[in-house]
Amino acid sequence: MISLQDIHDFCQLSYLDSGIPVYIYQKEKLLQAFPKQSPCTYPPKQYIVEFTNMTDTIAHISTPYGACFVAVKPKYFPELRIILGPTNYIPFNDADFHSMYSDYVVVQEERINFKTFFQLIPSINLTGLLAKAAIFNYFLNHEMRTHFGLLDAERTSISPVQAEKQAESIYQQKEDFYHNNSFEIESMILHLVESGNVDGLKRMTLHPSAIHSGTFAPNQLRQLKNTHIVMTTLATRRAISSGVDKDEAFQMSDSYIQMAENLNDPASVQNLNFQMLLAFTQKVQETLIPKTSDEILQRAIHYVLQHINCPITAADVADHAGFSRSYFSTYFKEQLGFTISAFILRCKLEEGKHLLQFTDKPLSVISNYLCFSSQSHFQTAFKKQYHVTPLQFRKHPERYRRGLLKDEQ
């Protein structure tokens, strides 16, 4: 069982690691703040009261000006609340501070120090803050929860319309002196969309600090909406290029843009943006990955997707499905229209495209990683499938889009 000193030490280490303020409350009484600070920067009482009444072990609040707090309730110290925040999607600006002066009830002579304190807090989105809360929860309660699960759990208690507006955020904005790498991250995200890589898209949200973008709107709500509109437009184009019905894609685009314009808090826009990307990626996946309700075929397909970098054969897939190679190969081809070997090859080549575009690994390493018999074999298969050599694709990936699986005998 952990002690109060353990909690104190963990909170201190967390602040030293992340720069995000941490507070220990017993009901509405502040026991400790990390870092030491003026009382004018303590979380406003209304948020503490709300967290005091929380029923789950983790809860979060989004303020009217877009900042986020999270709280964790230790099971063995039920009167305690560990509160992290506030954090903001982009650095706090003058409009934010104007609202915060009122929210925190900051007198004129304290405003310079107040502003300095919050300007030093790293920008982080709700997804990143919930991920940190999940770490605290594991330490305090020995309970494994992820930010995916936390947001999913929240959706179960709200209406379907509201649920459509909530999901994880992809983006992490840092202060202006960080390198703006939004183009690189955007390219990676759109590649995941056009390749139908749902798992890859979700994995990106595990690293919210990876994205550093400049500020290009007068306030964070407008910036988030502008980003959402741009990403929705780009995701729509990529989905169409990968075979999603054009009318359906444009209807989705119009719907997500309109939904964003009707939202009034940054956290909801962040959540909606990830859901939009996820929806388009799932549509592409439905288009590109064989559609079947057959559980045996689904197991086989997922086995291949999970073993792209292994030397698997049609016999391995058949064995995993529980059938002989000859029987299952015939069944697979009859049901899906292409052979197991063709599907394995295509999945490996798609992974090859990703490695060519987003790493600088030489062809020899990529071909070996994907278990091709030789670099020449990889190059020949790649050119036959995409009508371009691997090096040509690496130089100009934006010129080439994913093609559909070819029927192979």
Protein backbone atom coordinates (compact mmCIF):
# COMPACT_ATOMS: atom_id res chain seq x y z
CA MET A 1 0.00 0.00 0.00
CA ILE A 2 1.35 3.42 -0.90
CA SER A 3 1.86 6.13 1.72
CA LEU A 4 1.16 9.84 1.68
CA GLN A 5 4.89 10.42 1.34
CA ASP A 6 4.90 8.18 -1.75
CA ILE A 7 2.15 10.30 -3.26
CA HIS A 8 4.01 13.49 -2.39
CA ASP A 9 7.22 12.22 -4.00
CA PHE A 10 5.47 10.98 -7.14
CA CYS A 11 3.72 14.33 -7.62
CA GLN A 12 7.00 16.18 -7.24
CA LEU A 13 8.73 13.92 -9.76
CA SER A 14 5.85 14.32 -12.19
CA TYR A 15 6.11 18.10 -12.08
CA LEU A 16 9.89 18.01 -12.51
CA ASP A 17 9.46 15.73 -15.53
CA SER A 18 6.58 17.44 -17.33
CA GLY A 19 6.42 21.03 -16.05
CA ILE A 20 2.66 20.62 -15.52
CA PRO A 21 1.48 21.85 -12.10
CA VAL A 22 0.29 19.17 -9.66
CA TYR A 23 -1.86 19.76 -6.59
CA ILE A 24 -2.80 17.50 -3.68
CA TYR A 25 -6.19 18.33 -2.17
CA GLN A 26 -8.02 16.82 0.77
CA LYS A 27 -11.60 17.63 -0.09
CA GLU A 28 -11.36 21.41 -0.67
CA LYS A 29 -8.19 21.95 1.36
CA LEU A 30 -4.89 22.28 -0.51
CA LEU A 31 -2.19 20.11 1.09
CA GLN A 32 0.64 20.63 -1.39
CA ALA A 33 1.33 22.38 -4.69
CA PHE A 34 4.08 21.58 -7.17
CA PRO A 35 5.76 23.92 -7.84
CA LYS A 36 5.52 26.27 -4.91
CA GLN A 37 3.52 29.25 -6.10
CA SER A 38 1.42 32.24 -5.19
CA PRO A 39 -2.10 31.42 -3.99
CA CYS A 40 -3.44 33.45 -6.91
CA THR A 41 -2.48 30.60 -9.28
CA TYR A 42 -4.17 27.80 -7.31
CA PRO A 43 -7.03 26.14 -9.20
CA PRO A 44 -10.31 28.07 -8.82
CA LYS A 45 -12.59 26.74 -6.09
CA GLN A 46 -15.45 25.80 -8.42
CA TYR A 47 -13.25 23.20 -10.15
CA ILE A 48 -12.03 21.79 -6.84
CA VAL A 49 -15.64 21.39 -5.68
CA GLU A 50 -16.51 19.60 -8.89
CA PHE A 51 -13.59 17.23 -8.51
CA THR A 52 -14.52 16.62 -4.85
CA ASN A 53 -17.81 15.17 -6.06
CA MET A 54 -16.28 12.95 -8.76
CA THR A 55 -17.33 9.29 -8.68
CA ASP A 56 -14.80 7.76 -11.07
CA THR A 57 -11.11 7.47 -10.23
CA ILE A 58 -10.27 9.88 -13.07
CA ALA A 59 -12.16 13.00 -14.20
CA HIS A 60 -11.42 16.05 -16.31
CA ILE A 61 -12.76 19.57 -16.71
CA SER A 62 -12.50 21.96 -19.64
CA THR A 63 -12.74 25.63 -18.66
CA PRO A 64 -14.67 28.25 -20.70
CA TYR A 65 -11.35 29.56 -22.08
CA GLY A 66 -10.22 26.09 -23.17
CA ALA A 67 -7.78 25.09 -20.45
CA CYS A 68 -8.02 21.56 -19.04
CA PHE A 69 -7.65 20.04 -15.60
CA VAL A 70 -7.62 16.35 -14.71
CA ALA A 71 -8.03 14.76 -11.29
CA VAL A 72 -7.24 11.31 -9.92
CA LYS A 73 -8.84 9.86 -6.78
CA PRO A 74 -6.68 7.39 -4.80
CA LYS A 75 -8.73 4.38 -3.69
CA TYR A 76 -6.87 4.09 -0.39
CA PHE A 77 -7.18 7.81 0.34
CA PRO A 78 -10.70 8.56 -0.94
CA GLU A 79 -10.72 12.12 0.40
CA LEU A 80 -7.63 13.06 -1.61
CA ARG A 81 -7.63 14.44 -5.13
CA ILE A 82 -4.48 14.72 -7.24
CA ILE A 83 -5.11 17.52 -9.73
CA LEU A 84 -2.99 18.22 -12.81
CA GLY A 85 -3.19 21.41 -14.85
CA PRO A 86 -4.30 23.65 -16.19
CA THR A 87 -2.92 23.01 -19.65
CA ASN A 88 -3.84 24.59 -22.94
CA TYR A 89 -3.77 23.37 -26.54
CA ILE A 90 -1.74 26.42 -27.59
CA PRO A 91 0.12 28.92 -25.39
CA PHE A 92 -2.19 31.10 -23.30
CA ASN A 93 -2.83 34.40 -25.09
CA ASP A 94 -4.11 37.78 -23.91
CA ALA A 95 -7.76 36.80 -24.45
CA ASP A 96 -7.21 33.69 -22.30
CA PHE A 97 -5.58 35.71 -19.55
CA HIS A 98 -8.43 38.21 -19.57
CA SER A 99 -10.83 35.34 -18.84
CA MET A 100 -8.46 33.77 -16.33
CA TYR A 101 -8.10 36.97 -14.31
CA SER A 102 -11.82 36.78 -13.67
CA ASP A 103 -11.92 33.00 -13.16
CA TYR A 104 -9.01 33.07 -10.69
CA VAL A 105 -10.02 36.46 -9.20
CA VAL A 106 -6.58 38.00 -9.76
CA VAL A 107 -6.00 41.54 -8.49
CA GLN A 108 -4.11 44.01 -10.67
CA GLU A 109 -0.82 43.92 -8.76
CA GLU A 110 -0.60 40.11 -9.04
CA ARG A 111 -1.28 39.85 -12.77
CA ILE A 112 2.30 40.04 -14.00
CA ASN A 113 3.42 37.14 -11.80
CA PHE A 114 0.20 35.27 -12.60
CA LYS A 115 0.79 35.61 -16.33
CA THR A 116 4.45 34.59 -16.04
CA PHE A 117 3.52 31.43 -14.14
CA PHE A 118 1.09 30.19 -16.78
CA GLN A 119 3.30 31.13 -19.71
CA LEU A 120 5.86 28.63 -18.40
CA ILE A 121 3.41 25.71 -18.47
CA PRO A 122 3.98 23.49 -21.54
CA SER A 123 1.11 23.37 -24.02
CA ILE A 124 -0.54 19.96 -24.11
CA ASN A 125 -3.91 18.77 -25.34
CA LEU A 126 -6.59 16.81 -23.50
CA THR A 127 -5.30 13.49 -24.83
CA GLY A 128 -1.84 14.12 -23.44
CA LEU A 129 -3.17 15.28 -20.09
CA LEU A 130 -5.40 12.21 -19.77
CA ALA A 131 -2.41 10.01 -20.60
CA LYS A 132 -0.57 11.54 -17.65
CA ALA A 133 -3.62 11.04 -15.45
CA ALA A 134 -3.62 7.37 -16.48
CA ILE A 135 -0.02 7.06 -15.22
CA PHE A 136 -1.02 8.61 -11.89
CA ASN A 137 -3.99 6.26 -11.70
CA TYR A 138 -1.77 3.23 -12.24
CA PHE A 139 0.61 4.37 -9.51
CA LEU A 140 -2.16 5.24 -7.03
CA ASN A 141 -4.73 2.54 -7.76
CA HIS A 142 -2.83 -0.21 -9.60
CA GLU A 143 -5.45 0.12 -12.31
CA MET A 144 -4.55 0.03 -16.01
CA ARG A 145 -6.56 2.59 -17.95
CA THR A 146 -5.68 4.50 -21.10
CA HIS A 147 -6.91 7.83 -22.40
CA PHE A 148 -8.76 5.86 -25.10
CA GLY A 149 -10.68 4.00 -22.41
CA LEU A 150 -11.32 7.15 -20.41
CA LEU A 151 -12.90 8.93 -23.34
CA ASP A 152 -14.77 5.80 -24.42
CA ALA A 153 -16.20 5.47 -20.93
CA GLU A 154 -17.34 9.07 -21.07
CA ARG A 155 -19.16 8.43 -24.33
CA THR A 156 -21.21 5.60 -22.83
CA SER A 157 -23.09 8.01 -20.60
CA ILE A 158 -24.03 10.60 -23.22
CA SER A 159 -26.28 10.76 -26.23
CA PRO A 160 -25.22 9.40 -29.65
CA VAL A 161 -25.09 12.93 -31.06
CA GLN A 162 -22.77 14.05 -28.28
CA ALA A 163 -20.71 10.91 -28.65
CA GLU A 164 -19.99 11.80 -32.25
CA LYS A 165 -18.29 14.95 -30.99
CA GLN A 166 -15.88 13.17 -28.66
CA ALA A 167 -12.72 11.23 -29.41
CA GLU A 168 -9.00 11.60 -28.86
CA SER A 169 -7.03 14.54 -30.17
CA ILE A 170 -4.14 14.00 -32.54
CA TYR A 171 -2.41 17.28 -32.14
CA GLN A 172 0.05 18.70 -29.65
CA GLN A 173 0.87 22.38 -29.83
CA LYS A 174 3.99 23.75 -28.18
CA GLU A 175 5.15 27.26 -27.49
CA ASP A 176 6.32 29.37 -30.40
CA PHE A 177 10.02 28.67 -29.93
CA TYR A 178 9.51 24.97 -30.77
CA HIS A 179 10.22 23.71 -34.28
CA ASN A 180 7.02 23.71 -36.34
CA ASN A 181 6.80 20.11 -37.58
CA SER A 182 3.12 20.17 -38.49
CA PHE A 183 3.81 19.36 -42.16
CA GLU A 184 5.66 16.15 -41.28
CA ILE A 185 2.98 15.06 -38.82
CA GLU A 186 0.22 15.99 -41.27
CA SER A 187 1.86 13.81 -43.93
CA MET A 188 2.08 10.87 -41.56
CA ILE A 189 -1.55 11.24 -40.49
CA LEU A 190 -2.82 11.47 -44.06
CA HIS A 191 -0.80 8.42 -45.05
CA LEU A 192 -2.51 6.51 -42.25
CA VAL A 193 -5.89 7.74 -43.48
CA GLU A 194 -5.33 6.77 -47.11
CA SER A 195 -3.94 3.37 -46.16
CA GLY A 196 -6.82 2.61 -43.78
CA ASN A 197 -4.40 2.10 -40.89
CA VAL A 198 -6.72 2.53 -37.92
CA ASP A 199 -4.30 1.02 -35.40
CA GLY A 200 -1.50 3.27 -36.63
CA LEU A 201 -3.68 6.35 -36.24
CA LYS A 202 -4.54 5.40 -32.68
CA ARG A 203 -0.89 4.72 -31.85
CA MET A 204 0.01 8.26 -32.91
CA THR A 205 -2.14 9.64 -30.10
CA LEU A 206 0.09 7.86 -27.59
CA HIS A 207 2.74 10.47 -28.38
CA PRO A 208 0.89 13.78 -28.09
CA SER A 209 4.09 15.74 -27.45
CA ALA A 210 5.39 14.89 -30.91
CA ILE A 211 3.46 17.60 -32.70
CA HIS A 212 4.71 21.17 -32.59
CA SER A 213 2.71 23.70 -34.56
CA GLY A 214 2.80 27.47 -34.84
CA THR A 215 -0.07 29.74 -33.91
CA PHE A 216 -2.11 30.99 -36.88
CA ALA A 217 -5.42 32.25 -35.45
CA PRO A 218 -6.40 34.97 -32.96
CA ASN A 219 -7.54 32.43 -30.35
CA GLN A 220 -7.23 28.73 -29.78
CA LEU A 221 -10.87 27.91 -30.55
CA ARG A 222 -10.61 29.47 -34.01
CA GLN A 223 -7.22 27.86 -34.56
CA LEU A 224 -8.62 24.44 -33.74
CA LYS A 225 -11.58 24.99 -36.06
CA ASN A 226 -9.32 26.14 -38.88
CA THR A 227 -7.08 23.11 -38.37
CA HIS A 228 -10.12 20.85 -38.37
CA ILE A 229 -11.41 22.30 -41.64
CA VAL A 230 -8.04 21.86 -43.35
CA MET A 231 -7.55 18.32 -42.08
CA THR A 232 -11.11 17.35 -43.00
CA THR A 233 -10.58 18.61 -46.55
CA LEU A 234 -7.28 16.75 -46.92
CA ALA A 235 -8.64 13.56 -45.35
CA THR A 236 -11.61 13.66 -47.73
CA ARG A 237 -9.32 13.82 -50.75
CA ARG A 238 -7.13 10.98 -49.50
CA ALA A 239 -10.15 8.80 -48.72
CA ILE A 240 -11.58 9.35 -52.21
CA SER A 241 -8.23 8.54 -53.80
CA SER A 242 -8.25 5.25 -51.87
CA GLY A 243 -11.63 4.23 -53.22
CA VAL A 244 -14.19 5.65 -50.80
CA ASP A 245 -17.38 6.70 -52.58
CA LYS A 246 -17.05 10.37 -53.54
CA ASP A 247 -20.59 11.38 -52.54
CA GLU A 248 -20.30 9.65 -49.18
CA ALA A 249 -16.90 11.26 -48.50
CA PHE A 250 -18.17 14.76 -49.27
CA GLN A 251 -21.23 14.24 -47.10
CA MET A 252 -18.98 13.21 -44.23
CA SER A 253 -16.77 16.24 -44.85
CA ASP A 254 -19.68 18.68 -44.78
CA SER A 255 -21.06 17.09 -41.64
CA TYR A 256 -17.81 17.23 -39.68
CA ILE A 257 -17.06 20.82 -40.68
CA GLN A 258 -20.56 21.93 -39.69
CA MET A 259 -20.33 20.08 -36.37
CA ALA A 260 -17.06 21.85 -35.57
CA GLU A 261 -18.50 25.29 -36.31
CA ASN A 262 -21.31 24.61 -33.85
CA LEU A 263 -18.92 23.78 -30.99
CA ASN A 264 -17.90 26.40 -28.46
CA ASP A 265 -15.07 24.83 -26.49
CA PRO A 266 -11.62 23.74 -27.69
CA ALA A 267 -11.69 20.28 -26.11
CA SER A 268 -14.78 19.29 -28.09
CA VAL A 269 -13.18 20.47 -31.34
CA GLN A 270 -10.03 18.47 -30.58
CA ASN A 271 -12.11 15.37 -29.88
CA LEU A 272 -14.18 15.85 -33.02
CA ASN A 273 -11.07 16.26 -35.16
CA PHE A 274 -9.70 12.89 -34.14
CA GLN A 275 -13.06 11.24 -34.65
CA MET A 276 -13.20 12.70 -38.16
CA LEU A 277 -9.77 11.26 -38.99
CA LEU A 278 -10.74 7.94 -37.47
CA ALA A 279 -14.01 7.81 -39.43
CA PHE A 280 -12.29 8.44 -42.77
CA THR A 281 -9.56 5.91 -41.93
CA GLN A 282 -12.17 3.29 -41.07
CA LYS A 283 -14.00 3.99 -44.34
CA VAL A 284 -10.79 3.47 -46.27
CA GLN A 285 -10.08 0.30 -44.31
CA GLU A 286 -13.55 -1.01 -45.21
CA THR A 287 -12.80 -0.24 -48.85
CA LEU A 288 -9.31 -1.69 -49.02
CA ILE A 289 -9.31 -4.56 -46.56
CA PRO A 290 -11.43 -7.50 -47.66
CA LYS A 291 -14.99 -7.26 -46.39
CA THR A 292 -16.32 -10.39 -44.79
CA SER A 293 -18.50 -11.41 -41.88
CA ASP A 294 -16.84 -14.82 -41.87
CA GLU A 295 -15.04 -15.06 -38.51
CA ILE A 296 -12.50 -17.55 -39.87
CA LEU A 297 -11.54 -15.20 -42.71
CA GLN A 298 -11.40 -12.27 -40.30
CA ARG A 299 -8.96 -14.20 -38.11
CA ALA A 300 -6.82 -14.96 -41.14
CA ILE A 301 -6.82 -11.34 -42.33
CA HIS A 302 -5.87 -10.01 -38.90
CA TYR A 303 -3.15 -12.62 -38.57
CA VAL A 304 -1.57 -11.37 -41.79
CA LEU A 305 -1.86 -7.72 -40.73
CA GLN A 306 -0.17 -8.49 -37.41
CA HIS A 307 2.72 -10.42 -39.01
CA ILE A 308 3.73 -8.18 -41.90
CA ASN A 309 7.39 -8.26 -40.84
CA CYS A 310 7.46 -12.03 -40.47
CA PRO A 311 8.21 -14.66 -43.14
CA ILE A 312 4.63 -15.93 -43.20
CA THR A 313 3.23 -18.08 -45.98
CA ALA A 314 -0.21 -19.23 -47.09
CA ALA A 315 0.42 -22.40 -45.10
CA ASP A 316 1.01 -20.39 -41.92
CA VAL A 317 -2.24 -18.50 -42.40
CA ALA A 318 -4.16 -21.69 -43.07
CA ASP A 319 -2.65 -23.29 -39.99
CA HIS A 320 -3.68 -20.29 -37.88
CA ALA A 321 -7.21 -20.62 -39.22
CA GLY A 322 -7.20 -24.33 -38.39
CA PHE A 323 -7.36 -25.80 -41.90
CA SER A 324 -5.10 -27.45 -44.43
CA ARG A 325 -3.27 -25.21 -46.88
CA SER A 326 -5.04 -26.58 -49.96
CA TYR A 327 -8.54 -26.33 -48.51
CA PHE A 328 -8.14 -22.88 -46.97
CA SER A 329 -6.34 -21.40 -49.99
CA THR A 330 -9.24 -22.45 -52.21
CA TYR A 331 -11.81 -21.18 -49.69
CA PHE A 332 -10.00 -17.84 -49.27
CA LYS A 333 -9.83 -17.27 -53.04
CA GLU A 334 -13.49 -18.26 -53.56
CA GLN A 335 -14.73 -15.92 -50.84
CA LEU A 336 -12.50 -12.89 -51.42
CA GLY A 337 -11.45 -13.10 -55.05
CA PHE A 338 -7.69 -13.17 -54.57
CA THR A 339 -5.15 -15.55 -53.12
CA ILE A 340 -3.66 -15.58 -49.64
CA SER A 341 -0.22 -15.01 -51.13
CA ALA A 342 -1.45 -11.94 -53.02
CA PHE A 343 -2.89 -10.49 -49.83
CA ILE A 344 0.30 -11.14 -47.85
CA LEU A 345 2.40 -9.51 -50.57
CA ARG A 346 0.17 -6.46 -50.79
CA CYS A 347 0.24 -5.90 -47.02
CA LYS A 348 4.03 -6.08 -47.00
CA LEU A 349 4.27 -3.63 -49.91
CA GLU A 350 1.98 -1.15 -48.15
CA GLU A 351 4.22 -1.29 -45.10
CA GLY A 352 7.15 -0.78 -47.46
CA LYS A 353 5.54 2.42 -48.76
CA HIS A 354 5.20 3.70 -45.23
CA LEU A 355 8.85 2.95 -44.43
CA LEU A 356 10.03 4.56 -47.66
CA GLN A 357 8.12 7.75 -46.98
CA PHE A 358 8.70 8.19 -43.26
CA THR A 359 12.12 6.69 -42.61
CA ASP A 360 15.53 7.00 -44.24
CA LYS A 361 16.27 3.28 -44.00
CA PRO A 362 17.95 1.86 -47.13
CA LEU A 363 16.10 -0.52 -49.43
CA SER A 364 18.20 -3.42 -48.22
CA VAL A 365 17.06 -2.90 -44.63
CA ILE A 366 13.40 -2.45 -45.62
CA SER A 367 13.37 -5.55 -47.83
CA ASN A 368 15.02 -7.58 -45.08
CA TYR A 369 12.63 -6.25 -42.42
CA LEU A 370 9.66 -7.27 -44.57
CA CYS A 371 11.22 -10.69 -45.17
CA PHE A 372 11.62 -10.48 -48.93
CA SER A 373 14.13 -12.97 -50.29
CA SER A 374 16.27 -10.12 -51.58
CA GLN A 375 16.30 -6.39 -52.25
CA SER A 376 15.78 -7.16 -55.93
CA HIS A 377 12.65 -9.17 -55.11
CA PHE A 378 11.24 -6.25 -53.12
CA GLN A 379 11.99 -3.75 -55.90
CA THR A 380 10.45 -5.96 -58.59
CA ALA A 381 7.28 -6.63 -56.56
CA PHE A 382 6.95 -2.95 -55.64
CA LYS A 383 7.21 -1.77 -59.24
CA LYS A 384 4.78 -4.43 -60.47
CA GLN A 385 2.19 -3.37 -57.88
CA TYR A 386 2.54 0.43 -58.04
CA HIS A 387 4.16 1.02 -61.47
CA VAL A 388 6.95 3.02 -59.84
CA THR A 389 10.27 2.04 -58.30
CA PRO A 390 10.77 2.29 -54.51
CA LEU A 391 13.32 5.11 -54.94
CA GLN A 392 10.98 7.07 -57.22
CA PHE A 393 8.25 6.72 -54.64
CA ARG A 394 10.58 7.85 -51.85
CA LYS A 395 11.51 11.01 -53.76
CA HIS A 396 7.91 11.96 -54.65
CA PRO A 397 5.44 10.06 -52.44
CA GLU A 398 2.79 12.73 -52.91
CA ARG A 399 2.49 11.83 -56.58
CA TYR A 400 1.44 8.27 -55.91
CA ARG A 401 -1.66 7.01 -54.21
CA ARG A 402 -2.71 3.63 -52.95
CA GLY A 403 -4.15 1.31 -55.59
CA LEU A 404 -6.67 -1.43 -54.97
CA LEU A 405 -5.74 -5.05 -54.58
CA LYS A 406 -5.35 -6.78 -57.87
CA ASP A 407 -7.04 -10.09 -58.45
CA GLU A 408 -4.29 -12.66 -58.73
CA GLN A 409 -4.58 -16.27 -59.69
